Amino acid sequence: MTHTPSTPPEDSLLGPVALKPGLDWSALDHVDTWIFDLDNTLYAAGSRLFDQVHRRMTAFIMESFSLDREAALTLQRDYFRAHGSTLRGLMLRHGLDPHDYLNYVHDIDVSVLPPAPELGAAIDRLPGRKLVFTAGSTAHADRILTRMGIVDRFEAIFDIVAADFVPKPAPEVYDLFCSRYGVDAATAVLFEDSARNLAPAAALGMRTVWINTGEPFSLLGSKGDHIDWVSPDLSLWLEAYLAHLDTAEQDGSAR
């Protein structure tokens, strides 16, 4: 695969995982906090689960403003571009109650997600704390993680309500997250499907893993040096990293 923003040397390719040139797994030896985005990160984008959310966002706008689908999609895109999220735009321009919106757009069928015991076991093996940092609601995250059977793997969920409805990648949200949970950015790593949401984390000193789904939203902000690893799927990245830990243990150099 091709790493963004440049093509890594051959020896940096570990199966489906690409490392930034000059980086190796030892860059994670000091990490004690593992931070995960939710949608299209903790579950695979191939489930098309977030498509349900996107359709309900459009339906909410159609019903609220008596718009046809194309006009609603245009407003949805415009508010996302101007305000970082459609929700933020609706709040600022129309005084929308965000809880009504979140309850509506997250009323989706999570049964399309299979249980993920192997993912849960892999997350268990990561040394240190595990936190969820989502632009959705805690209720939305709980439903998804419970369906996957991994809800008990995480210490806490920091959601859009905790962020005072300010969306990523606003830098102040990352500061608030770190302050809330006592996270030292220098010993943390963030997993995200949206490349642009990794830039503030890297600026704070976090290591970053981009789950590149290939979708336009995922590709936004993918140019720059703020991405340390790229993988098309979280499970594949974890498999590669845990294989490194196994080798390190065998060599007697485990952390």
C-alpha atoms as a PDB file:
ATOM      1  CA  MET A   1       0.000   0.000   0.000  1.00  0.00           C
ATOM      2  CA  THR A   2       1.037   3.619  -0.419  1.00  0.00           C
ATOM      3  CA  HIS A   3       1.708   5.636   2.682  1.00  0.00           C
ATOM      4  CA  THR A   4       0.532   9.209   2.876  1.00  0.00           C
ATOM      5  CA  PRO A   5       2.211  11.552   2.246  1.00  0.00           C
ATOM      6  CA  SER A   6       5.079   9.516   0.819  1.00  0.00           C
ATOM      7  CA  THR A   7       5.850   5.954  -0.194  1.00  0.00           C
ATOM      8  CA  PRO A   8       7.612   4.057   2.605  1.00  0.00           C
ATOM      9  CA  PRO A   9      10.648   1.923   1.902  1.00  0.00           C
ATOM     10  CA  GLU A  10      10.082  -1.791   1.347  1.00  0.00           C
ATOM     11  CA  ASP A  11      11.296  -2.755   4.821  1.00  0.00           C
ATOM     12  CA  SER A  12       8.642  -0.558   6.444  1.00  0.00           C
ATOM     13  CA  LEU A  13       5.820  -2.629   5.028  1.00  0.00           C
ATOM     14  CA  LEU A  14       4.619  -5.196   7.547  1.00  0.00           C
ATOM     15  CA  GLY A  15       1.829  -7.019   5.771  1.00  0.00           C
ATOM     16  CA  PRO A  16      -1.068  -4.572   5.508  1.00  0.00           C
ATOM     17  CA  VAL A  17       0.530  -1.933   7.749  1.00  0.00           C
ATOM     18  CA  ALA A  18       2.655   0.975   6.560  1.00  0.00           C
ATOM     19  CA  LEU A  19       4.990   2.897   8.832  1.00  0.00           C
ATOM     20  CA  LYS A  20       6.215   6.413   8.347  1.00  0.00           C
ATOM     21  CA  PRO A  21       9.742   6.254   6.888  1.00  0.00           C
ATOM     22  CA  GLY A  22      12.297   6.175   9.689  1.00  0.00           C
ATOM     23  CA  LEU A  23       9.806   4.858  12.237  1.00  0.00           C
ATOM     24  CA  ASP A  24       9.701   1.419  13.847  1.00  0.00           C
ATOM     25  CA  TRP A  25       7.605  -0.322  16.485  1.00  0.00           C
ATOM     26  CA  SER A  26       9.915   0.831  19.269  1.00  0.00           C
ATOM     27  CA  ALA A  27       8.226   4.238  18.908  1.00  0.00           C
ATOM     28  CA  LEU A  28       5.374   2.689  20.893  1.00  0.00           C
ATOM     29  CA  ASP A  29       7.474   1.273  23.731  1.00  0.00           C
ATOM     30  CA  HIS A  30       6.574   4.205  25.990  1.00  0.00           C
ATOM     31  CA  VAL A  31       2.837   4.250  25.198  1.00  0.00           C
ATOM     32  CA  ASP A  32       0.500   3.692  28.148  1.00  0.00           C
ATOM     33  CA  THR A  33      -2.755   5.124  26.756  1.00  0.00           C
ATOM     34  CA  TRP A  34      -4.580   3.837  23.649  1.00  0.00           C
ATOM     35  CA  ILE A  35      -7.302   6.114  22.280  1.00  0.00           C
ATOM     36  CA  PHE A  36      -9.844   4.917  19.722  1.00  0.00           C
ATOM     37  CA  ASP A  37     -12.276   6.742  17.503  1.00  0.00           C
ATOM     38  CA  LEU A  38     -15.528   4.793  17.172  1.00  0.00           C
ATOM     39  CA  ASP A  39     -17.242   4.973  13.789  1.00  0.00           C
ATOM     40  CA  ASN A  40     -15.350   3.231  10.975  1.00  0.00           C
ATOM     41  CA  THR A  41     -12.417   2.688  13.345  1.00  0.00           C
ATOM     42  CA  LEU A  42     -13.398   0.271  16.114  1.00  0.00           C
ATOM     43  CA  TYR A  43     -15.756  -1.396  13.654  1.00  0.00           C
ATOM     44  CA  ALA A  44     -14.855  -1.955  10.013  1.00  0.00           C
ATOM     45  CA  ALA A  45     -16.113   0.558   7.474  1.00  0.00           C
ATOM     46  CA  GLY A  46     -17.197  -2.371   5.298  1.00  0.00           C
ATOM     47  CA  SER A  47     -20.167  -2.895   7.590  1.00  0.00           C
ATOM     48  CA  ARG A  48     -21.636   0.321   6.120  1.00  0.00           C
ATOM     49  CA  LEU A  49     -23.067   1.055   9.568  1.00  0.00           C
ATOM     50  CA  PHE A  50     -22.255   4.748   9.343  1.00  0.00           C
ATOM     51  CA  ASP A  51     -24.190   4.919   6.075  1.00  0.00           C
ATOM     52  CA  GLN A  52     -27.306   4.473   8.217  1.00  0.00           C
ATOM     53  CA  VAL A  53     -26.295   7.454  10.357  1.00  0.00           C
ATOM     54  CA  HIS A  54     -25.599   9.544   7.262  1.00  0.00           C
ATOM     55  CA  ARG A  55     -29.007   8.716   5.780  1.00  0.00           C
ATOM     56  CA  ARG A  56     -30.754   9.640   9.026  1.00  0.00           C
ATOM     57  CA  MET A  57     -28.858  12.930   9.132  1.00  0.00           C
ATOM     58  CA  THR A  58     -30.285  13.729   5.706  1.00  0.00           C
ATOM     59  CA  ALA A  59     -33.771  12.598   6.731  1.00  0.00           C
ATOM     60  CA  PHE A  60     -33.637  14.781   9.862  1.00  0.00           C
ATOM     61  CA  ILE A  61     -32.806  17.850   7.782  1.00  0.00           C
ATOM     62  CA  MET A  62     -35.489  17.025   5.218  1.00  0.00           C
ATOM     63  CA  GLU A  63     -38.133  16.752   7.940  1.00  0.00           C
ATOM     64  CA  SER A  64     -36.938  19.750   9.960  1.00  0.00           C
ATOM     65  CA  PHE A  65     -36.716  22.201   7.054  1.00  0.00           C
ATOM     66  CA  SER A  66     -39.160  20.704   4.535  1.00  0.00           C
ATOM     67  CA  LEU A  67     -36.395  20.157   2.004  1.00  0.00           C
ATOM     68  CA  ASP A  68     -36.066  17.565  -0.710  1.00  0.00           C
ATOM     69  CA  ARG A  69     -33.216  15.083  -0.473  1.00  0.00           C
ATOM     70  CA  GLU A  70     -30.767  16.957  -2.717  1.00  0.00           C
ATOM     71  CA  ALA A  71     -31.273  20.253  -0.899  1.00  0.00           C
ATOM     72  CA  ALA A  72     -30.877  18.512   2.447  1.00  0.00           C
ATOM     73  CA  LEU A  73     -27.654  16.849   1.319  1.00  0.00           C
ATOM     74  CA  THR A  74     -26.318  20.205   0.157  1.00  0.00           C
ATOM     75  CA  LEU A  75     -27.072  21.804   3.518  1.00  0.00           C
ATOM     76  CA  GLN A  76     -25.566  18.798   5.297  1.00  0.00           C
ATOM     77  CA  ARG A  77     -22.311  19.103   3.322  1.00  0.00           C
ATOM     78  CA  ASP A  78     -22.156  22.893   3.610  1.00  0.00           C
ATOM     79  CA  TYR A  79     -22.538  22.854   7.391  1.00  0.00           C
ATOM     80  CA  PHE A  80     -19.932  20.136   7.727  1.00  0.00           C
ATOM     81  CA  ARG A  81     -17.429  22.149   5.694  1.00  0.00           C
ATOM     82  CA  ALA A  82     -18.166  25.439   7.425  1.00  0.00           C
ATOM     83  CA  HIS A  83     -18.518  24.247  11.022  1.00  0.00           C
ATOM     84  CA  GLY A  84     -16.719  20.907  11.276  1.00  0.00           C
ATOM     85  CA  SER A  85     -19.957  18.951  11.642  1.00  0.00           C
ATOM     86  CA  THR A  86     -23.519  19.156  10.405  1.00  0.00           C
ATOM     87  CA  LEU A  87     -24.706  19.180  14.015  1.00  0.00           C
ATOM     88  CA  ARG A  88     -22.550  22.189  14.888  1.00  0.00           C
ATOM     89  CA  GLY A  89     -23.912  24.084  11.905  1.00  0.00           C
ATOM     90  CA  LEU A  90     -27.509  23.313  12.869  1.00  0.00           C
ATOM     91  CA  MET A  91     -26.856  24.458  16.431  1.00  0.00           C
ATOM     92  CA  LEU A  92     -25.140  27.706  15.461  1.00  0.00           C
ATOM     93  CA  ARG A  93     -27.456  28.706  12.633  1.00  0.00           C
ATOM     94  CA  HIS A  94     -30.806  27.362  13.824  1.00  0.00           C
ATOM     95  CA  GLY A  95     -30.542  26.917  17.585  1.00  0.00           C
ATOM     96  CA  LEU A  96     -31.097  23.186  17.224  1.00  0.00           C
ATOM     97  CA  ASP A  97     -31.448  21.019  20.342  1.00  0.00           C
ATOM     98  CA  PRO A  98     -28.468  18.675  19.823  1.00  0.00           C
ATOM     99  CA  HIS A  99     -29.988  15.865  21.896  1.00  0.00           C
ATOM    100  CA  ASP A 100     -33.008  15.579  19.593  1.00  0.00           C
ATOM    101  CA  TYR A 101     -30.665  15.357  16.627  1.00  0.00           C
ATOM    102  CA  LEU A 102     -28.368  12.773  18.203  1.00  0.00           C
ATOM    103  CA  ASN A 103     -31.267  10.581  19.295  1.00  0.00           C
ATOM    104  CA  TYR A 104     -32.678  10.668  15.767  1.00  0.00           C
ATOM    105  CA  VAL A 105     -29.526  10.059  13.730  1.00  0.00           C
ATOM    106  CA  HIS A 106     -28.274   7.267  16.027  1.00  0.00           C
ATOM    107  CA  ASP A 107     -31.527   5.308  15.836  1.00  0.00           C
ATOM    108  CA  ILE A 108     -29.936   2.671  13.612  1.00  0.00           C
ATOM    109  CA  ASP A 109     -29.766  -1.101  13.269  1.00  0.00           C
ATOM    110  CA  VAL A 110     -26.521  -2.255  14.911  1.00  0.00           C
ATOM    111  CA  SER A 111     -27.306  -5.926  14.266  1.00  0.00           C
ATOM    112  CA  VAL A 112     -25.316  -5.662  11.021  1.00  0.00           C
ATOM    113  CA  LEU A 113     -22.194  -5.735  13.212  1.00  0.00           C
ATOM    114  CA  PRO A 114     -20.941  -9.200  14.167  1.00  0.00           C
ATOM    115  CA  PRO A 115     -19.539  -9.900  17.640  1.00  0.00           C
ATOM    116  CA  ALA A 116     -15.791  -9.177  17.721  1.00  0.00           C
ATOM    117  CA  PRO A 117     -14.165 -11.420  20.345  1.00  0.00           C
ATOM    118  CA  GLU A 118     -10.803 -11.460  18.543  1.00  0.00           C
ATOM    119  CA  LEU A 119     -10.706  -7.675  18.438  1.00  0.00           C
ATOM    120  CA  GLY A 120     -11.561  -7.578  22.138  1.00  0.00           C
ATOM    121  CA  ALA A 121      -8.764 -10.018  22.934  1.00  0.00           C
ATOM    122  CA  ALA A 122      -6.295  -7.941  20.910  1.00  0.00           C
ATOM    123  CA  ILE A 123      -7.305  -4.730  22.689  1.00  0.00           C
ATOM    124  CA  ASP A 124      -6.912  -6.541  26.022  1.00  0.00           C
ATOM    125  CA  ARG A 125      -3.284  -7.220  25.186  1.00  0.00           C
ATOM    126  CA  LEU A 126      -2.406  -3.571  24.688  1.00  0.00           C
ATOM    127  CA  PRO A 127      -0.444  -2.493  27.774  1.00  0.00           C
ATOM    128  CA  GLY A 128      -2.141   0.403  29.538  1.00  0.00           C
ATOM    129  CA  ARG A 129      -5.390   2.344  29.465  1.00  0.00           C
ATOM    130  CA  LYS A 130      -7.950   2.235  26.647  1.00  0.00           C
ATOM    131  CA  LEU A 131     -10.339   5.124  25.945  1.00  0.00           C
ATOM    132  CA  VAL A 132     -12.922   5.939  23.272  1.00  0.00           C
ATOM    133  CA  PHE A 133     -12.897   9.438  21.731  1.00  0.00           C
ATOM    134  CA  THR A 134     -15.973   9.782  19.507  1.00  0.00           C
ATOM    135  CA  ALA A 135     -17.891  12.472  17.651  1.00  0.00           C
ATOM    136  CA  GLY A 136     -21.049  10.487  18.399  1.00  0.00           C
ATOM    137  CA  SER A 137     -22.946  10.111  21.647  1.00  0.00           C
ATOM    138  CA  THR A 138     -22.125   7.822  24.548  1.00  0.00           C
ATOM    139  CA  ALA A 139     -25.422   5.998  23.995  1.00  0.00           C
ATOM    140  CA  HIS A 140     -24.457   5.370  20.349  1.00  0.00           C
ATOM    141  CA  ALA A 141     -21.039   4.078  21.375  1.00  0.00           C
ATOM    142  CA  ASP A 142     -22.500   1.876  24.098  1.00  0.00           C
ATOM    143  CA  ARG A 143     -24.916   0.223  21.685  1.00  0.00           C
ATOM    144  CA  ILE A 144     -22.208  -0.497  19.146  1.00  0.00           C
ATOM    145  CA  LEU A 145     -19.580  -1.717  21.596  1.00  0.00           C
ATOM    146  CA  THR A 146     -22.127  -3.854  23.444  1.00  0.00           C
ATOM    147  CA  ARG A 147     -23.200  -5.429  20.152  1.00  0.00           C
ATOM    148  CA  MET A 148     -19.537  -6.169  19.371  1.00  0.00           C
ATOM    149  CA  GLY A 149     -18.989  -7.552  22.876  1.00  0.00           C
ATOM    150  CA  ILE A 150     -16.126  -5.175  23.681  1.00  0.00           C
ATOM    151  CA  VAL A 151     -17.775  -2.438  25.744  1.00  0.00           C
ATOM    152  CA  ASP A 152     -15.973  -3.544  28.917  1.00  0.00           C
ATOM    153  CA  ARG A 153     -12.550  -3.105  27.318  1.00  0.00           C
ATOM    154  CA  PHE A 154     -12.637   0.667  27.726  1.00  0.00           C
ATOM    155  CA  GLU A 155     -12.152   2.828  30.772  1.00  0.00           C
ATOM    156  CA  ALA A 156     -14.326   5.654  29.470  1.00  0.00           C
ATOM    157  CA  ILE A 157     -16.083   7.137  26.448  1.00  0.00           C
ATOM    158  CA  PHE A 158     -15.526  10.810  25.660  1.00  0.00           C
ATOM    159  CA  ASP A 159     -18.377  11.851  23.378  1.00  0.00           C
ATOM    160  CA  ILE A 160     -19.614  14.912  21.537  1.00  0.00           C
ATOM    161  CA  VAL A 161     -21.648  15.994  24.598  1.00  0.00           C
ATOM    162  CA  ALA A 162     -18.521  15.943  26.785  1.00  0.00           C
ATOM    163  CA  ALA A 163     -16.841  18.031  24.063  1.00  0.00           C
ATOM    164  CA  ASP A 164     -19.613  20.661  24.434  1.00  0.00           C
ATOM    165  CA  PHE A 165     -20.646  19.724  20.873  1.00  0.00           C
ATOM    166  CA  VAL A 166     -17.408  21.068  19.391  1.00  0.00           C
ATOM    167  CA  PRO A 167     -16.265  18.514  16.802  1.00  0.00           C
ATOM    168  CA  LYS A 168     -12.838  17.133  16.072  1.00  0.00           C
ATOM    169  CA  PRO A 169     -10.380  18.362  14.812  1.00  0.00           C
ATOM    170  CA  ALA A 170     -10.782  21.508  16.943  1.00  0.00           C
ATOM    171  CA  PRO A 171      -7.579  21.525  19.070  1.00  0.00           C
ATOM    172  CA  GLU A 172      -9.413  22.565  22.236  1.00  0.00           C
ATOM    173  CA  VAL A 173     -11.352  19.296  22.184  1.00  0.00           C
ATOM    174  CA  TYR A 174      -8.122  17.286  22.384  1.00  0.00           C
ATOM    175  CA  ASP A 175      -6.932  19.470  25.245  1.00  0.00           C
ATOM    176  CA  LEU A 176     -10.219  18.901  27.053  1.00  0.00           C
ATOM    177  CA  PHE A 177     -10.026  15.155  26.478  1.00  0.00           C
ATOM    178  CA  CYS A 178      -6.489  14.947  27.861  1.00  0.00           C
ATOM    179  CA  SER A 179      -7.390  17.106  30.853  1.00  0.00           C
ATOM    180  CA  ARG A 180     -10.531  15.112  31.632  1.00  0.00           C
ATOM    181  CA  TYR A 181      -8.695  11.779  31.797  1.00  0.00           C
ATOM    182  CA  GLY A 182      -5.212  12.879  32.818  1.00  0.00           C
ATOM    183  CA  VAL A 183      -3.735  11.754  29.516  1.00  0.00           C
ATOM    184  CA  ASP A 184      -0.096  12.558  28.800  1.00  0.00           C
ATOM    185  CA  ALA A 185      -0.113  13.071  25.048  1.00  0.00           C
ATOM    186  CA  ALA A 186       3.548  12.056  24.858  1.00  0.00           C
ATOM    187  CA  THR A 187       2.634   8.532  26.011  1.00  0.00           C
ATOM    188  CA  ALA A 188      -0.562   8.111  24.006  1.00  0.00           C
ATOM    189  CA  VAL A 189      -1.579   6.895  20.557  1.00  0.00           C
ATOM    190  CA  LEU A 190      -4.754   7.811  18.657  1.00  0.00           C
ATOM    191  CA  PHE A 191      -6.517   5.577  16.112  1.00  0.00           C
ATOM    192  CA  GLU A 192      -8.733   7.437  13.633  1.00  0.00           C
ATOM    193  CA  ASP A 193     -10.359   6.816  10.261  1.00  0.00           C
ATOM    194  CA  SER A 194     -10.335  10.559   9.526  1.00  0.00           C
ATOM    195  CA  ALA A 195      -6.798  11.640   8.665  1.00  0.00           C
ATOM    196  CA  ARG A 196      -7.520  15.273   9.461  1.00  0.00           C
ATOM    197  CA  ASN A 197      -8.466  14.362  13.030  1.00  0.00           C
ATOM    198  CA  LEU A 198      -4.943  13.067  13.656  1.00  0.00           C
ATOM    199  CA  ALA A 199      -3.222  16.417  13.103  1.00  0.00           C
ATOM    200  CA  PRO A 200      -4.083  17.981  16.506  1.00  0.00           C
ATOM    201  CA  ALA A 201      -3.117  14.744  18.250  1.00  0.00           C
ATOM    202  CA  ALA A 202       0.271  14.732  16.541  1.00  0.00           C
ATOM    203  CA  ALA A 203       0.760  18.399  17.447  1.00  0.00           C
ATOM    204  CA  LEU A 204       0.284  17.458  21.108  1.00  0.00           C
ATOM    205  CA  GLY A 205       2.901  14.722  20.798  1.00  0.00           C
ATOM    206  CA  MET A 206       0.696  11.657  20.364  1.00  0.00           C
ATOM    207  CA  ARG A 207       1.570   8.813  18.036  1.00  0.00           C
ATOM    208  CA  THR A 208      -1.064   8.387  15.337  1.00  0.00           C
ATOM    209  CA  VAL A 209      -2.593   5.514  13.386  1.00  0.00           C
ATOM    210  CA  TRP A 210      -4.736   6.303  10.358  1.00  0.00           C
ATOM    211  CA  ILE A 211      -7.364   3.667   9.525  1.00  0.00           C
ATOM    212  CA  ASN A 212      -7.627   4.501   5.839  1.00  0.00           C
ATOM    213  CA  THR A 213     -11.049   3.354   4.671  1.00  0.00           C
ATOM    214  CA  GLY A 214     -10.586   4.857   1.216  1.00  0.00           C
ATOM    215  CA  GLU A 215     -13.717   6.965   1.677  1.00  0.00           C
ATOM    216  CA  PRO A 216     -13.543  10.697   0.834  1.00  0.00           C
ATOM    217  CA  PHE A 217     -14.094  11.629   4.506  1.00  0.00           C
ATOM    218  CA  SER A 218     -11.222   9.372   5.556  1.00  0.00           C
ATOM    219  CA  LEU A 219      -8.874  10.974   3.029  1.00  0.00           C
ATOM    220  CA  LEU A 220      -9.459  14.558   4.159  1.00  0.00           C
ATOM    221  CA  GLY A 221      -6.266  15.990   5.627  1.00  0.00           C
ATOM    222  CA  SER A 222      -4.122  13.005   4.689  1.00  0.00           C
ATOM    223  CA  LYS A 223      -1.251  15.112   3.372  1.00  0.00           C
ATOM    224  CA  GLY A 224       1.376  16.006   5.949  1.00  0.00           C
ATOM    225  CA  ASP A 225       3.692  14.394   8.448  1.00  0.00           C
ATOM    226  CA  HIS A 226       1.118  13.865  11.218  1.00  0.00           C
ATOM    227  CA  ILE A 227       0.450  10.211  10.355  1.00  0.00           C
ATOM    228  CA  ASP A 228       2.763   7.576  11.841  1.00  0.00           C
ATOM    229  CA  TRP A 229       1.037   4.390  10.680  1.00  0.00           C
ATOM    230  CA  VAL A 230      -1.524   3.568   8.007  1.00  0.00           C
ATOM    231  CA  SER A 231      -3.708   0.464   7.873  1.00  0.00           C
ATOM    232  CA  PRO A 232      -7.024  -0.269   6.144  1.00  0.00           C
ATOM    233  CA  ASP A 233      -8.385  -1.994   9.260  1.00  0.00           C
ATOM    234  CA  LEU A 234      -7.763  -1.721  13.003  1.00  0.00           C
ATOM    235  CA  SER A 235      -7.627  -5.501  13.453  1.00  0.00           C
ATOM    236  CA  LEU A 236      -4.850  -5.780  10.881  1.00  0.00           C
ATOM    237  CA  TRP A 237      -2.810  -3.096  12.624  1.00  0.00           C
ATOM    238  CA  LEU A 238      -3.265  -4.771  16.005  1.00  0.00           C
ATOM    239  CA  GLU A 239      -2.256  -8.129  14.535  1.00  0.00           C
ATOM    240  CA  ALA A 240       0.979  -6.635  13.231  1.00  0.00           C
ATOM    241  CA  TYR A 241       1.767  -4.795  16.467  1.00  0.00           C
ATOM    242  CA  LEU A 242       1.013  -7.779  18.696  1.00  0.00           C
ATOM    243  CA  ALA A 243       3.230  -9.943  16.494  1.00  0.00           C
ATOM    244  CA  HIS A 244       6.001  -7.444  17.263  1.00  0.00           C
ATOM    245  CA  LEU A 245       5.275  -7.767  20.992  1.00  0.00           C
ATOM    246  CA  ASP A 246       5.417 -11.560  20.728  1.00  0.00           C
ATOM    247  CA  THR A 247       8.780 -11.363  18.987  1.00  0.00           C
ATOM    248  CA  ALA A 248      10.060  -8.941  21.600  1.00  0.00           C
ATOM    249  CA  GLU A 249       9.001 -11.316  24.377  1.00  0.00           C
ATOM    250  CA  GLN A 250      10.765 -14.207  22.699  1.00  0.00           C
ATOM    251  CA  ASP A 251      13.886 -12.087  22.357  1.00  0.00           C
ATOM    252  CA  GLY A 252      13.697 -11.112  26.029  1.00  0.00           C
ATOM    253  CA  SER A 253      13.166  -7.458  25.191  1.00  0.00           C
ATOM    254  CA  ALA A 254       9.515  -7.173  26.029  1.00  0.00           C
ATOM    255  CA  ARG A 255       8.362  -3.918  27.582  1.00  0.00           C
END
